Amino acid sequence: MRPPLNRASIDMNQPAIQVANHKWRRQISAARIAWRKLTEEELLASEGKADNLIALLQERYALSQGEAARKVTNFMARRDY
């Protein structure tokens, strides 16, 4: 069972989470161009989290975890994300 959430910590992190989500939403078009087999819905659901993107690339493109991780890292580095 999870411990109760600390409301103060959630509220303090909320602006940072919103900024990260906004930045990712601006990158969706570029991600769709880079990875055409991924849908916009999948990219939005990933929230721009590297682990989620790596898993999606592994599944759709039959890549190893290392190769998928390199592609995600390169994508994010080129966009200062």
C-alpha atoms as a PDB file:
ATOM      1  CA  MET A   1       0.000   0.000   0.000  1.00  0.00           C
ATOM      2  CA  ARG A   2       1.285   3.467  -0.852  1.00  0.00           C
ATOM      3  CA  PRO A   3       1.950   6.014   1.869  1.00  0.00           C
ATOM      4  CA  PRO A   4      -0.308   9.075   1.841  1.00  0.00           C
ATOM      5  CA  LEU A   5       0.758  11.814  -0.533  1.00  0.00           C
ATOM      6  CA  ASN A   6       2.248  14.967   0.872  1.00  0.00           C
ATOM      7  CA  ARG A   7       0.119  17.766  -0.630  1.00  0.00           C
ATOM      8  CA  ALA A   8       2.856  20.374  -0.089  1.00  0.00           C
ATOM      9  CA  SER A   9       5.362  18.451  -2.211  1.00  0.00           C
ATOM     10  CA  ILE A  10       2.811  17.931  -4.981  1.00  0.00           C
ATOM     11  CA  ASP A  11       1.952  21.616  -5.125  1.00  0.00           C
ATOM     12  CA  MET A  12       5.628  22.606  -5.133  1.00  0.00           C
ATOM     13  CA  ASN A  13       6.393  20.280  -8.057  1.00  0.00           C
ATOM     14  CA  GLN A  14       3.306  21.128 -10.093  1.00  0.00           C
ATOM     15  CA  PRO A  15       4.838  24.100 -11.983  1.00  0.00           C
ATOM     16  CA  ALA A  16       7.882  22.031 -12.959  1.00  0.00           C
ATOM     17  CA  ILE A  17       5.658  19.208 -14.184  1.00  0.00           C
ATOM     18  CA  GLN A  18       3.523  21.630 -16.186  1.00  0.00           C
ATOM     19  CA  VAL A  19       6.623  23.154 -17.818  1.00  0.00           C
ATOM     20  CA  ALA A  20       7.939  19.700 -18.733  1.00  0.00           C
ATOM     21  CA  ASN A  21       4.564  18.679 -20.192  1.00  0.00           C
ATOM     22  CA  HIS A  22       4.344  21.918 -22.190  1.00  0.00           C
ATOM     23  CA  LYS A  23       7.865  21.430 -23.572  1.00  0.00           C
ATOM     24  CA  TRP A  24       7.043  17.860 -24.563  1.00  0.00           C
ATOM     25  CA  ARG A  25       3.809  18.891 -26.283  1.00  0.00           C
ATOM     26  CA  ARG A  26       5.841  21.306 -28.424  1.00  0.00           C
ATOM     27  CA  GLN A  27       8.112  18.413 -29.444  1.00  0.00           C
ATOM     28  CA  ILE A  28       5.333  16.055 -30.545  1.00  0.00           C
ATOM     29  CA  SER A  29       5.482  17.113 -34.214  1.00  0.00           C
ATOM     30  CA  ALA A  30       9.228  16.519 -34.364  1.00  0.00           C
ATOM     31  CA  ALA A  31       8.808  13.183 -32.615  1.00  0.00           C
ATOM     32  CA  ARG A  32       6.131  12.160 -35.123  1.00  0.00           C
ATOM     33  CA  ILE A  33       8.539  12.955 -37.967  1.00  0.00           C
ATOM     34  CA  ALA A  34      11.388  11.051 -36.309  1.00  0.00           C
ATOM     35  CA  TRP A  35       9.262   8.052 -35.344  1.00  0.00           C
ATOM     36  CA  ARG A  36       6.425   7.746 -37.865  1.00  0.00           C
ATOM     37  CA  LYS A  37       5.224   4.424 -36.458  1.00  0.00           C
ATOM     38  CA  LEU A  38       4.232   6.091 -33.172  1.00  0.00           C
ATOM     39  CA  THR A  39       0.878   7.823 -32.928  1.00  0.00           C
ATOM     40  CA  GLU A  40       0.341  11.256 -31.473  1.00  0.00           C
ATOM     41  CA  GLU A  41      -1.713   9.656 -28.705  1.00  0.00           C
ATOM     42  CA  GLU A  42       1.152   7.332 -27.782  1.00  0.00           C
ATOM     43  CA  LEU A  43       3.619  10.201 -27.737  1.00  0.00           C
ATOM     44  CA  LEU A  44       1.331  12.306 -25.565  1.00  0.00           C
ATOM     45  CA  ALA A  45       0.774   9.388 -23.195  1.00  0.00           C
ATOM     46  CA  SER A  46       4.542   8.902 -22.878  1.00  0.00           C
ATOM     47  CA  GLU A  47       4.745  12.402 -21.364  1.00  0.00           C
ATOM     48  CA  GLY A  48       8.185  12.708 -22.927  1.00  0.00           C
ATOM     49  CA  LYS A  49       9.654  10.321 -20.384  1.00  0.00           C
ATOM     50  CA  ALA A  50      12.689   8.551 -21.767  1.00  0.00           C
ATOM     51  CA  ASP A  51      11.740   5.135 -20.349  1.00  0.00           C
ATOM     52  CA  ASN A  52       8.298   5.309 -21.946  1.00  0.00           C
ATOM     53  CA  LEU A  53       9.718   6.399 -25.310  1.00  0.00           C
ATOM     54  CA  ILE A  54      12.383   3.707 -25.227  1.00  0.00           C
ATOM     55  CA  ALA A  55       9.744   1.037 -24.607  1.00  0.00           C
ATOM     56  CA  LEU A  56       7.625   2.350 -27.478  1.00  0.00           C
ATOM     57  CA  LEU A  57      10.576   2.371 -29.886  1.00  0.00           C
ATOM     58  CA  GLN A  58      11.581  -1.143 -28.854  1.00  0.00           C
ATOM     59  CA  GLU A  59       8.070  -2.400 -29.494  1.00  0.00           C
ATOM     60  CA  ARG A  60       7.376  -0.647 -32.791  1.00  0.00           C
ATOM     61  CA  TYR A  61      10.798  -0.765 -34.393  1.00  0.00           C
ATOM     62  CA  ALA A  62      12.087  -4.055 -32.890  1.00  0.00           C
ATOM     63  CA  LEU A  63      15.135  -2.261 -31.478  1.00  0.00           C
ATOM     64  CA  SER A  64      17.353  -3.350 -28.635  1.00  0.00           C
ATOM     65  CA  GLN A  65      17.032  -1.323 -25.459  1.00  0.00           C
ATOM     66  CA  GLY A  66      20.449   0.230 -26.092  1.00  0.00           C
ATOM     67  CA  GLU A  67      19.614   1.311 -29.639  1.00  0.00           C
ATOM     68  CA  ALA A  68      16.239   2.702 -28.598  1.00  0.00           C
ATOM     69  CA  ALA A  69      17.902   4.576 -25.723  1.00  0.00           C
ATOM     70  CA  ARG A  70      20.461   6.098 -28.135  1.00  0.00           C
ATOM     71  CA  LYS A  71      17.700   7.273 -30.465  1.00  0.00           C
ATOM     72  CA  VAL A  72      15.748   8.868 -27.615  1.00  0.00           C
ATOM     73  CA  THR A  73      18.885  10.487 -26.173  1.00  0.00           C
ATOM     74  CA  ASN A  74      19.877  11.887 -29.575  1.00  0.00           C
ATOM     75  CA  PHE A  75      16.365  13.194 -30.202  1.00  0.00           C
ATOM     76  CA  MET A  76      16.231  14.978 -26.858  1.00  0.00           C
ATOM     77  CA  ALA A  77      19.766  16.352 -27.159  1.00  0.00           C
ATOM     78  CA  ARG A  78      19.051  17.914 -30.563  1.00  0.00           C
ATOM     79  CA  ARG A  79      16.044  19.710 -29.076  1.00  0.00           C
ATOM     80  CA  ASP A  80      17.465  20.774 -25.701  1.00  0.00           C
ATOM     81  CA  TYR A  81      14.737  18.811 -23.994  1.00  0.00           C
END
